[in-house]
ModelCIF file with pLDDT and N, C-alpha, C, O atoms, coordinates in Angstrom:
data_MODEL
#
_entry.id   MODEL 
#
_entity.id                         1 
_entity.type                       polymer 
_entity.pdbx_number_of_molecules   1 
#
_entity_poly.entity_id                      1 
_entity_poly.type                           'polypeptide(L)' 
_entity_poly.nstd_linkage                   no 
_entity_poly.nstd_monomer                   no 
_entity_poly.pdbx_seq_one_letter_code       IIFVFFLVPGITYGAVVGTMRSDRDVIDAMAGAMSTLGLYMVLVF 
_entity_poly.pdbx_seq_one_letter_code_can   IIFVFFLVPGITYGAVVGTMRSDRDVIDAMAGAMSTLGLYMVLVF 
_entity_poly.pdbx_strand_id                 A 
#
loop_
_entity_poly_seq.entity_id 
_entity_poly_seq.num 
_entity_poly_seq.mon_id 
_entity_poly_seq.hetero 
1 1  ILE n 
1 2  ILE n 
1 3  PHE n 
1 4  VAL n 
1 5  PHE n 
1 6  PHE n 
1 7  LEU n 
1 8  VAL n 
1 9  PRO n 
1 10 GLY n 
1 11 ILE n 
1 12 THR n 
1 13 TYR n 
1 14 GLY n 
1 15 ALA n 
1 16 VAL n 
1 17 VAL n 
1 18 GLY n 
1 19 THR n 
1 20 MET n 
1 21 ARG n 
1 22 SER n 
1 23 ASP n 
1 24 ARG n 
1 25 ASP n 
1 26 VAL n 
1 27 ILE n 
1 28 ASP n 
1 29 ALA n 
1 30 MET n 
1 31 ALA n 
1 32 GLY n 
1 33 ALA n 
1 34 MET n 
1 35 SER n 
1 36 THR n 
1 37 LEU n 
1 38 GLY n 
1 39 LEU n 
1 40 TYR n 
1 41 MET n 
1 42 VAL n 
1 43 LEU n 
1 44 VAL n 
1 45 PHE n 
#
_struct_asym.id          A 
_struct_asym.entity_id   1 
#
loop_
_ma_qa_metric.id 
_ma_qa_metric.mode 
_ma_qa_metric.name 
_ma_qa_metric.software_group_id 
_ma_qa_metric.type 
1 global pLDDT . pLDDT 
2 local  pLDDT . pLDDT 
#
_ma_qa_metric_global.metric_id      1 
_ma_qa_metric_global.metric_value   90.73 
_ma_qa_metric_global.model_id       1 
_ma_qa_metric_global.ordinal_id     1 
#
loop_
_ma_qa_metric_local.label_asym_id 
_ma_qa_metric_local.label_comp_id 
_ma_qa_metric_local.label_seq_id 
_ma_qa_metric_local.metric_id 
_ma_qa_metric_local.metric_value 
_ma_qa_metric_local.model_id 
_ma_qa_metric_local.ordinal_id 
A ILE 1  2 87.00 1 1  
A ILE 2  2 83.00 1 2  
A PHE 3  2 90.00 1 3  
A VAL 4  2 91.00 1 4  
A PHE 5  2 88.00 1 5  
A PHE 6  2 88.00 1 6  
A LEU 7  2 94.00 1 7  
A VAL 8  2 95.00 1 8  
A PRO 9  2 94.00 1 9  
A GLY 10 2 94.00 1 10 
A ILE 11 2 96.00 1 11 
A THR 12 2 96.00 1 12 
A TYR 13 2 96.00 1 13 
A GLY 14 2 96.00 1 14 
A ALA 15 2 95.00 1 15 
A VAL 16 2 96.00 1 16 
A VAL 17 2 95.00 1 17 
A GLY 18 2 94.00 1 18 
A THR 19 2 94.00 1 19 
A MET 20 2 94.00 1 20 
A ARG 21 2 93.00 1 21 
A SER 22 2 93.00 1 22 
A ASP 23 2 93.00 1 23 
A ARG 24 2 95.00 1 24 
A ASP 25 2 95.00 1 25 
A VAL 26 2 95.00 1 26 
A ILE 27 2 95.00 1 27 
A ASP 28 2 94.00 1 28 
A ALA 29 2 92.00 1 29 
A MET 30 2 94.00 1 30 
A ALA 31 2 93.00 1 31 
A GLY 32 2 89.00 1 32 
A ALA 33 2 85.00 1 33 
A MET 34 2 89.00 1 34 
A SER 35 2 87.00 1 35 
A THR 36 2 79.00 1 36 
A LEU 37 2 81.00 1 37 
A GLY 38 2 85.00 1 38 
A LEU 39 2 81.00 1 39 
A TYR 40 2 81.00 1 40 
A MET 41 2 88.00 1 41 
A VAL 42 2 89.00 1 42 
A LEU 43 2 83.00 1 43 
A VAL 44 2 85.00 1 44 
A PHE 45 2 93.00 1 45 
#
loop_
_atom_site.group_PDB 
_atom_site.id 
_atom_site.type_symbol 
_atom_site.label_atom_id 
_atom_site.label_alt_id 
_atom_site.label_comp_id 
_atom_site.label_asym_id 
_atom_site.label_entity_id 
_atom_site.label_seq_id 
_atom_site.pdbx_PDB_ins_code 
_atom_site.Cartn_x 
_atom_site.Cartn_y 
_atom_site.Cartn_z 
_atom_site.occupancy 
_atom_site.B_iso_or_equiv 
_atom_site.pdbx_formal_charge 
_atom_site.auth_seq_id 
_atom_site.auth_comp_id 
_atom_site.auth_asym_id 
_atom_site.auth_atom_id 
_atom_site.pdbx_PDB_model_num 
ATOM 1   N N  . ILE A 1 1  ? 92.978  97.397 106.110 1.00 87.00 ? 1  ILE A N  1 
ATOM 2   C CA . ILE A 1 1  ? 93.973  98.185 104.757 1.00 87.00 ? 1  ILE A CA 1 
ATOM 3   C C  . ILE A 1 1  ? 94.986  96.955 104.783 1.00 87.00 ? 1  ILE A C  1 
ATOM 4   O O  . ILE A 1 1  ? 95.172  96.277 103.773 1.00 87.00 ? 1  ILE A O  1 
ATOM 5   N N  . ILE A 1 2  ? 95.639  96.699 106.007 1.00 83.00 ? 2  ILE A N  1 
ATOM 6   C CA . ILE A 1 2  ? 96.585  95.503 105.563 1.00 83.00 ? 2  ILE A CA 1 
ATOM 7   C C  . ILE A 1 2  ? 96.247  94.599 105.299 1.00 83.00 ? 2  ILE A C  1 
ATOM 8   O O  . ILE A 1 2  ? 96.866  94.295 104.279 1.00 83.00 ? 2  ILE A O  1 
ATOM 9   N N  . PHE A 1 3  ? 95.323  93.541 105.661 1.00 90.00 ? 3  PHE A N  1 
ATOM 10  C CA . PHE A 1 3  ? 94.805  92.736 105.412 1.00 90.00 ? 3  PHE A CA 1 
ATOM 11  C C  . PHE A 1 3  ? 94.907  93.033 103.364 1.00 90.00 ? 3  PHE A C  1 
ATOM 12  O O  . PHE A 1 3  ? 95.766  92.399 102.750 1.00 90.00 ? 3  PHE A O  1 
ATOM 13  N N  . VAL A 1 4  ? 94.263  93.696 102.836 1.00 91.00 ? 4  VAL A N  1 
ATOM 14  C CA . VAL A 1 4  ? 94.109  93.946 101.836 1.00 91.00 ? 4  VAL A CA 1 
ATOM 15  C C  . VAL A 1 4  ? 94.674  93.633 101.089 1.00 91.00 ? 4  VAL A C  1 
ATOM 16  O O  . VAL A 1 4  ? 94.365  92.917 100.138 1.00 91.00 ? 4  VAL A O  1 
ATOM 17  N N  . PHE A 1 5  ? 96.041  94.297 101.457 1.00 88.00 ? 5  PHE A N  1 
ATOM 18  C CA . PHE A 1 5  ? 97.151  95.214 101.244 1.00 88.00 ? 5  PHE A CA 1 
ATOM 19  C C  . PHE A 1 5  ? 98.068  94.146 100.551 1.00 88.00 ? 5  PHE A C  1 
ATOM 20  O O  . PHE A 1 5  ? 98.632  94.034 99.463  1.00 88.00 ? 5  PHE A O  1 
ATOM 21  N N  . PHE A 1 6  ? 97.882  93.050 102.285 1.00 88.00 ? 6  PHE A N  1 
ATOM 22  C CA . PHE A 1 6  ? 98.814  91.891 101.778 1.00 88.00 ? 6  PHE A CA 1 
ATOM 23  C C  . PHE A 1 6  ? 98.459  90.854 101.084 1.00 88.00 ? 6  PHE A C  1 
ATOM 24  O O  . PHE A 1 6  ? 99.277  90.137 100.507 1.00 88.00 ? 6  PHE A O  1 
ATOM 25  N N  . LEU A 1 7  ? 96.918  90.627 101.067 1.00 94.00 ? 7  LEU A N  1 
ATOM 26  C CA . LEU A 1 7  ? 96.130  89.115 100.214 1.00 94.00 ? 7  LEU A CA 1 
ATOM 27  C C  . LEU A 1 7  ? 96.482  89.414 99.236  1.00 94.00 ? 7  LEU A C  1 
ATOM 28  O O  . LEU A 1 7  ? 97.340  88.659 98.778  1.00 94.00 ? 7  LEU A O  1 
ATOM 29  N N  . VAL A 1 8  ? 96.062  90.678 98.302  1.00 95.00 ? 8  VAL A N  1 
ATOM 30  C CA . VAL A 1 8  ? 95.637  90.390 97.279  1.00 95.00 ? 8  VAL A CA 1 
ATOM 31  C C  . VAL A 1 8  ? 97.283  90.707 96.095  1.00 95.00 ? 8  VAL A C  1 
ATOM 32  O O  . VAL A 1 8  ? 97.293  90.145 95.000  1.00 95.00 ? 8  VAL A O  1 
ATOM 33  N N  . PRO A 1 9  ? 98.038  91.267 96.354  1.00 94.00 ? 9  PRO A N  1 
ATOM 34  C CA . PRO A 1 9  ? 99.578  90.776 96.113  1.00 94.00 ? 9  PRO A CA 1 
ATOM 35  C C  . PRO A 1 9  ? 99.728  89.595 96.316  1.00 94.00 ? 9  PRO A C  1 
ATOM 36  O O  . PRO A 1 9  ? 100.086 88.939 95.338  1.00 94.00 ? 9  PRO A O  1 
ATOM 37  N N  . GLY A 1 10 ? 99.553  88.970 97.435  1.00 94.00 ? 10 GLY A N  1 
ATOM 38  C CA . GLY A 1 10 ? 100.503 87.505 97.236  1.00 94.00 ? 10 GLY A CA 1 
ATOM 39  C C  . GLY A 1 10 ? 99.316  86.704 96.827  1.00 94.00 ? 10 GLY A C  1 
ATOM 40  O O  . GLY A 1 10 ? 99.750  85.727 96.217  1.00 94.00 ? 10 GLY A O  1 
ATOM 41  N N  . ILE A 1 11 ? 97.891  86.668 96.891  1.00 96.00 ? 11 ILE A N  1 
ATOM 42  C CA . ILE A 1 11 ? 97.287  85.423 95.880  1.00 96.00 ? 11 ILE A CA 1 
ATOM 43  C C  . ILE A 1 11 ? 97.836  86.009 93.964  1.00 96.00 ? 11 ILE A C  1 
ATOM 44  O O  . ILE A 1 11 ? 97.550  85.433 92.915  1.00 96.00 ? 11 ILE A O  1 
ATOM 45  N N  . THR A 1 12 ? 98.543  87.112 94.125  1.00 96.00 ? 12 THR A N  1 
ATOM 46  C CA . THR A 1 12 ? 98.398  87.346 92.431  1.00 96.00 ? 12 THR A CA 1 
ATOM 47  C C  . THR A 1 12 ? 100.159 86.584 92.460  1.00 96.00 ? 12 THR A C  1 
ATOM 48  O O  . THR A 1 12 ? 100.544 85.958 91.472  1.00 96.00 ? 12 THR A O  1 
ATOM 49  N N  . TYR A 1 13 ? 100.939 86.732 93.525  1.00 96.00 ? 13 TYR A N  1 
ATOM 50  C CA . TYR A 1 13 ? 102.209 86.259 92.829  1.00 96.00 ? 13 TYR A CA 1 
ATOM 51  C C  . TYR A 1 13 ? 101.983 84.941 92.951  1.00 96.00 ? 13 TYR A C  1 
ATOM 52  O O  . TYR A 1 13 ? 102.597 84.130 92.258  1.00 96.00 ? 13 TYR A O  1 
ATOM 53  N N  . GLY A 1 14 ? 100.986 84.550 93.935  1.00 96.00 ? 14 GLY A N  1 
ATOM 54  C CA . GLY A 1 14 ? 101.271 82.986 94.548  1.00 96.00 ? 14 GLY A CA 1 
ATOM 55  C C  . GLY A 1 14 ? 100.217 81.923 92.837  1.00 96.00 ? 14 GLY A C  1 
ATOM 56  O O  . GLY A 1 14 ? 100.064 80.716 92.649  1.00 96.00 ? 14 GLY A O  1 
ATOM 57  N N  . ALA A 1 15 ? 99.807  83.016 92.086  1.00 95.00 ? 15 ALA A N  1 
ATOM 58  C CA . ALA A 1 15 ? 99.152  82.854 90.897  1.00 95.00 ? 15 ALA A CA 1 
ATOM 59  C C  . ALA A 1 15 ? 100.202 82.087 89.666  1.00 95.00 ? 15 ALA A C  1 
ATOM 60  O O  . ALA A 1 15 ? 100.413 81.141 88.908  1.00 95.00 ? 15 ALA A O  1 
ATOM 61  N N  . VAL A 1 16 ? 100.579 83.274 90.166  1.00 96.00 ? 16 VAL A N  1 
ATOM 62  C CA . VAL A 1 16 ? 101.656 83.550 88.637  1.00 96.00 ? 16 VAL A CA 1 
ATOM 63  C C  . VAL A 1 16 ? 102.984 82.452 88.645  1.00 96.00 ? 16 VAL A C  1 
ATOM 64  O O  . VAL A 1 16 ? 103.461 82.033 87.590  1.00 96.00 ? 16 VAL A O  1 
ATOM 65  N N  . VAL A 1 17 ? 103.606 81.978 90.259  1.00 95.00 ? 17 VAL A N  1 
ATOM 66  C CA . VAL A 1 17 ? 104.444 81.350 90.390  1.00 95.00 ? 17 VAL A CA 1 
ATOM 67  C C  . VAL A 1 17 ? 104.229 79.576 90.592  1.00 95.00 ? 17 VAL A C  1 
ATOM 68  O O  . VAL A 1 17 ? 105.075 78.682 90.563  1.00 95.00 ? 17 VAL A O  1 
ATOM 69  N N  . GLY A 1 18 ? 102.621 79.510 90.820  1.00 94.00 ? 18 GLY A N  1 
ATOM 70  C CA . GLY A 1 18 ? 102.010 78.065 90.886  1.00 94.00 ? 18 GLY A CA 1 
ATOM 71  C C  . GLY A 1 18 ? 101.911 77.388 92.104  1.00 94.00 ? 18 GLY A C  1 
ATOM 72  O O  . GLY A 1 18 ? 101.886 76.166 92.255  1.00 94.00 ? 18 GLY A O  1 
ATOM 73  N N  . THR A 1 19 ? 101.831 78.661 93.370  1.00 94.00 ? 19 THR A N  1 
ATOM 74  C CA . THR A 1 19 ? 102.146 78.095 94.665  1.00 94.00 ? 19 THR A CA 1 
ATOM 75  C C  . THR A 1 19 ? 100.234 78.555 95.102  1.00 94.00 ? 19 THR A C  1 
ATOM 76  O O  . THR A 1 19 ? 99.434  78.236 95.981  1.00 94.00 ? 19 THR A O  1 
ATOM 77  N N  . MET A 1 20 ? 100.234 79.291 94.101  1.00 94.00 ? 20 MET A N  1 
ATOM 78  C CA . MET A 1 20 ? 98.369  79.487 94.771  1.00 94.00 ? 20 MET A CA 1 
ATOM 79  C C  . MET A 1 20 ? 97.687  78.688 93.761  1.00 94.00 ? 20 MET A C  1 
ATOM 80  O O  . MET A 1 20 ? 97.675  79.554 92.886  1.00 94.00 ? 20 MET A O  1 
ATOM 81  N N  . ARG A 1 21 ? 97.050  77.582 93.167  1.00 93.00 ? 21 ARG A N  1 
ATOM 82  C CA . ARG A 1 21 ? 96.501  77.420 92.332  1.00 93.00 ? 21 ARG A CA 1 
ATOM 83  C C  . ARG A 1 21 ? 94.766  77.780 92.527  1.00 93.00 ? 21 ARG A C  1 
ATOM 84  O O  . ARG A 1 21 ? 94.068  78.483 91.796  1.00 93.00 ? 21 ARG A O  1 
ATOM 85  N N  . SER A 1 22 ? 94.350  76.984 93.854  1.00 93.00 ? 22 SER A N  1 
ATOM 86  C CA . SER A 1 22 ? 93.370  77.418 94.370  1.00 93.00 ? 22 SER A CA 1 
ATOM 87  C C  . SER A 1 22 ? 92.609  78.151 95.166  1.00 93.00 ? 22 SER A C  1 
ATOM 88  O O  . SER A 1 22 ? 93.344  78.928 95.776  1.00 93.00 ? 22 SER A O  1 
ATOM 89  N N  . ASP A 1 23 ? 91.408  78.301 95.487  1.00 93.00 ? 23 ASP A N  1 
ATOM 90  C CA . ASP A 1 23 ? 90.769  78.519 96.433  1.00 93.00 ? 23 ASP A CA 1 
ATOM 91  C C  . ASP A 1 23 ? 91.317  78.066 98.131  1.00 93.00 ? 23 ASP A C  1 
ATOM 92  O O  . ASP A 1 23 ? 91.428  78.718 99.169  1.00 93.00 ? 23 ASP A O  1 
ATOM 93  N N  . ARG A 1 24 ? 91.605  76.429 97.717  1.00 95.00 ? 24 ARG A N  1 
ATOM 94  C CA . ARG A 1 24 ? 92.096  75.921 98.909  1.00 95.00 ? 24 ARG A CA 1 
ATOM 95  C C  . ARG A 1 24 ? 93.135  76.186 99.120  1.00 95.00 ? 24 ARG A C  1 
ATOM 96  O O  . ARG A 1 24 ? 93.063  76.513 100.305 1.00 95.00 ? 24 ARG A O  1 
ATOM 97  N N  . ASP A 1 25 ? 94.725  76.368 98.661  1.00 95.00 ? 25 ASP A N  1 
ATOM 98  C CA . ASP A 1 25 ? 95.264  77.206 99.057  1.00 95.00 ? 25 ASP A CA 1 
ATOM 99  C C  . ASP A 1 25 ? 95.631  78.246 99.604  1.00 95.00 ? 25 ASP A C  1 
ATOM 100 O O  . ASP A 1 25 ? 96.670  78.373 100.253 1.00 95.00 ? 25 ASP A O  1 
ATOM 101 N N  . VAL A 1 26 ? 94.401  79.506 99.286  1.00 95.00 ? 26 VAL A N  1 
ATOM 102 C CA . VAL A 1 26 ? 94.548  80.825 100.178 1.00 95.00 ? 26 VAL A CA 1 
ATOM 103 C C  . VAL A 1 26 ? 94.199  79.667 101.348 1.00 95.00 ? 26 VAL A C  1 
ATOM 104 O O  . VAL A 1 26 ? 94.981  78.860 101.850 1.00 95.00 ? 26 VAL A O  1 
ATOM 105 N N  . ILE A 1 27 ? 93.545  79.751 101.471 1.00 95.00 ? 27 ILE A N  1 
ATOM 106 C CA . ILE A 1 27 ? 92.558  79.248 102.998 1.00 95.00 ? 27 ILE A CA 1 
ATOM 107 C C  . ILE A 1 27 ? 93.701  78.115 103.770 1.00 95.00 ? 27 ILE A C  1 
ATOM 108 O O  . ILE A 1 27 ? 93.527  77.718 104.922 1.00 95.00 ? 27 ILE A O  1 
ATOM 109 N N  . ASP A 1 28 ? 94.834  77.708 102.937 1.00 94.00 ? 28 ASP A N  1 
ATOM 110 C CA . ASP A 1 28 ? 95.630  77.206 103.624 1.00 94.00 ? 28 ASP A CA 1 
ATOM 111 C C  . ASP A 1 28 ? 96.630  77.787 104.238 1.00 94.00 ? 28 ASP A C  1 
ATOM 112 O O  . ASP A 1 28 ? 97.165  77.447 105.293 1.00 94.00 ? 28 ASP A O  1 
ATOM 113 N N  . ALA A 1 29 ? 96.869  78.674 103.549 1.00 92.00 ? 29 ALA A N  1 
ATOM 114 C CA . ALA A 1 29 ? 98.198  79.758 104.013 1.00 92.00 ? 29 ALA A CA 1 
ATOM 115 C C  . ALA A 1 29 ? 97.787  80.570 105.113 1.00 92.00 ? 29 ALA A C  1 
ATOM 116 O O  . ALA A 1 29 ? 98.661  80.911 105.911 1.00 92.00 ? 29 ALA A O  1 
ATOM 117 N N  . MET A 1 30 ? 95.869  81.171 105.409 1.00 94.00 ? 30 MET A N  1 
ATOM 118 C CA . MET A 1 30 ? 95.560  81.818 105.713 1.00 94.00 ? 30 MET A CA 1 
ATOM 119 C C  . MET A 1 30 ? 95.370  80.594 107.366 1.00 94.00 ? 30 MET A C  1 
ATOM 120 O O  . MET A 1 30 ? 95.783  80.996 108.454 1.00 94.00 ? 30 MET A O  1 
ATOM 121 N N  . ALA A 1 31 ? 94.989  79.781 107.280 1.00 93.00 ? 31 ALA A N  1 
ATOM 122 C CA . ALA A 1 31 ? 95.014  78.818 108.608 1.00 93.00 ? 31 ALA A CA 1 
ATOM 123 C C  . ALA A 1 31 ? 96.193  78.346 109.126 1.00 93.00 ? 31 ALA A C  1 
ATOM 124 O O  . ALA A 1 31 ? 96.192  77.769 110.214 1.00 93.00 ? 31 ALA A O  1 
ATOM 125 N N  . GLY A 1 32 ? 97.325  78.532 108.416 1.00 89.00 ? 32 GLY A N  1 
ATOM 126 C CA . GLY A 1 32 ? 99.057  78.687 108.990 1.00 89.00 ? 32 GLY A CA 1 
ATOM 127 C C  . GLY A 1 32 ? 99.229  79.669 109.590 1.00 89.00 ? 32 GLY A C  1 
ATOM 128 O O  . GLY A 1 32 ? 99.861  79.825 110.635 1.00 89.00 ? 32 GLY A O  1 
ATOM 129 N N  . ALA A 1 33 ? 98.656  80.434 108.949 1.00 85.00 ? 33 ALA A N  1 
ATOM 130 C CA . ALA A 1 33 ? 99.196  81.773 109.894 1.00 85.00 ? 33 ALA A CA 1 
ATOM 131 C C  . ALA A 1 33 ? 98.395  81.897 110.984 1.00 85.00 ? 33 ALA A C  1 
ATOM 132 O O  . ALA A 1 33 ? 98.852  82.603 111.883 1.00 85.00 ? 33 ALA A O  1 
ATOM 133 N N  . MET A 1 34 ? 97.062  81.284 111.197 1.00 89.00 ? 34 MET A N  1 
ATOM 134 C CA . MET A 1 34 ? 96.212  81.298 112.432 1.00 89.00 ? 34 MET A CA 1 
ATOM 135 C C  . MET A 1 34 ? 96.988  80.404 113.296 1.00 89.00 ? 34 MET A C  1 
ATOM 136 O O  . MET A 1 34 ? 96.840  80.454 114.517 1.00 89.00 ? 34 MET A O  1 
ATOM 137 N N  . SER A 1 35 ? 97.913  79.484 112.669 1.00 87.00 ? 35 SER A N  1 
ATOM 138 C CA . SER A 1 35 ? 98.278  77.475 113.517 1.00 87.00 ? 35 SER A CA 1 
ATOM 139 C C  . SER A 1 35 ? 99.294  78.884 114.412 1.00 87.00 ? 35 SER A C  1 
ATOM 140 O O  . SER A 1 35 ? 99.480  78.701 115.615 1.00 87.00 ? 35 SER A O  1 
ATOM 141 N N  . THR A 1 36 ? 99.714  79.815 113.958 1.00 79.00 ? 36 THR A N  1 
ATOM 142 C CA . THR A 1 36 ? 101.717 79.900 114.382 1.00 79.00 ? 36 THR A CA 1 
ATOM 143 C C  . THR A 1 36 ? 101.138 80.873 115.695 1.00 79.00 ? 36 THR A C  1 
ATOM 144 O O  . THR A 1 36 ? 101.945 81.274 116.533 1.00 79.00 ? 36 THR A O  1 
ATOM 145 N N  . LEU A 1 37 ? 99.421  81.275 115.814 1.00 81.00 ? 37 LEU A N  1 
ATOM 146 C CA . LEU A 1 37 ? 99.439  82.065 116.754 1.00 81.00 ? 37 LEU A CA 1 
ATOM 147 C C  . LEU A 1 37 ? 98.720  81.892 118.139 1.00 81.00 ? 37 LEU A C  1 
ATOM 148 O O  . LEU A 1 37 ? 98.281  82.730 118.927 1.00 81.00 ? 37 LEU A O  1 
ATOM 149 N N  . GLY A 1 38 ? 98.752  80.294 118.176 1.00 85.00 ? 38 GLY A N  1 
ATOM 150 C CA . GLY A 1 38 ? 98.383  79.799 119.358 1.00 85.00 ? 38 GLY A CA 1 
ATOM 151 C C  . GLY A 1 38 ? 98.830  80.168 120.376 1.00 85.00 ? 38 GLY A C  1 
ATOM 152 O O  . GLY A 1 38 ? 97.943  80.442 121.184 1.00 85.00 ? 38 GLY A O  1 
ATOM 153 N N  . LEU A 1 39 ? 100.126 80.355 120.843 1.00 81.00 ? 39 LEU A N  1 
ATOM 154 C CA . LEU A 1 39 ? 100.948 81.131 122.334 1.00 81.00 ? 39 LEU A CA 1 
ATOM 155 C C  . LEU A 1 39 ? 100.437 82.650 122.589 1.00 81.00 ? 39 LEU A C  1 
ATOM 156 O O  . LEU A 1 39 ? 100.065 83.212 123.619 1.00 81.00 ? 39 LEU A O  1 
ATOM 157 N N  . TYR A 1 40 ? 100.566 83.112 121.200 1.00 81.00 ? 40 TYR A N  1 
ATOM 158 C CA . TYR A 1 40 ? 99.713  84.210 121.553 1.00 81.00 ? 40 TYR A CA 1 
ATOM 159 C C  . TYR A 1 40 ? 98.513  84.772 122.054 1.00 81.00 ? 40 TYR A C  1 
ATOM 160 O O  . TYR A 1 40 ? 98.147  85.779 122.659 1.00 81.00 ? 40 TYR A O  1 
ATOM 161 N N  . MET A 1 41 ? 97.959  83.549 121.484 1.00 88.00 ? 41 MET A N  1 
ATOM 162 C CA . MET A 1 41 ? 96.280  83.502 121.932 1.00 88.00 ? 41 MET A CA 1 
ATOM 163 C C  . MET A 1 41 ? 95.901  83.853 123.644 1.00 88.00 ? 41 MET A C  1 
ATOM 164 O O  . MET A 1 41 ? 95.456  84.667 124.454 1.00 88.00 ? 41 MET A O  1 
ATOM 165 N N  . VAL A 1 42 ? 96.546  82.366 123.384 1.00 89.00 ? 42 VAL A N  1 
ATOM 166 C CA . VAL A 1 42 ? 96.650  82.103 125.011 1.00 89.00 ? 42 VAL A CA 1 
ATOM 167 C C  . VAL A 1 42 ? 97.385  83.615 126.157 1.00 89.00 ? 42 VAL A C  1 
ATOM 168 O O  . VAL A 1 42 ? 96.747  84.282 126.971 1.00 89.00 ? 42 VAL A O  1 
ATOM 169 N N  . LEU A 1 43 ? 98.431  83.703 125.901 1.00 83.00 ? 43 LEU A N  1 
ATOM 170 C CA . LEU A 1 43 ? 99.044  85.044 126.105 1.00 83.00 ? 43 LEU A CA 1 
ATOM 171 C C  . LEU A 1 43 ? 98.308  86.311 126.316 1.00 83.00 ? 43 LEU A C  1 
ATOM 172 O O  . LEU A 1 43 ? 98.540  87.078 127.251 1.00 83.00 ? 43 LEU A O  1 
ATOM 173 N N  . VAL A 1 44 ? 97.260  86.526 125.251 1.00 85.00 ? 44 VAL A N  1 
ATOM 174 C CA . VAL A 1 44 ? 96.476  87.443 125.249 1.00 85.00 ? 44 VAL A CA 1 
ATOM 175 C C  . VAL A 1 44 ? 94.892  87.537 126.329 1.00 85.00 ? 44 VAL A C  1 
ATOM 176 O O  . VAL A 1 44 ? 94.253  88.506 126.737 1.00 85.00 ? 44 VAL A O  1 
ATOM 177 N N  . PHE A 1 45 ? 94.677  85.822 126.527 1.00 93.00 ? 45 PHE A N  1 
ATOM 178 C CA . PHE A 1 45 ? 93.430  85.838 127.271 1.00 93.00 ? 45 PHE A CA 1 
ATOM 179 C C  . PHE A 1 45 ? 94.091  86.137 128.735 1.00 93.00 ? 45 PHE A C  1 
ATOM 180 O O  . PHE A 1 45 ? 93.372  86.239 129.728 1.00 93.00 ? 45 PHE A O  1 
#
């Protein structure tokens, strides 16, 4: 629920202001979020 609740309004806002023009922008945003979690994943291991 958290995933969808942030995803849908985020895509909607991005489509209106021009920060989310294609699926590539959405994928890049997700990849960027994952890139910030490298240290977290090492810690979790």
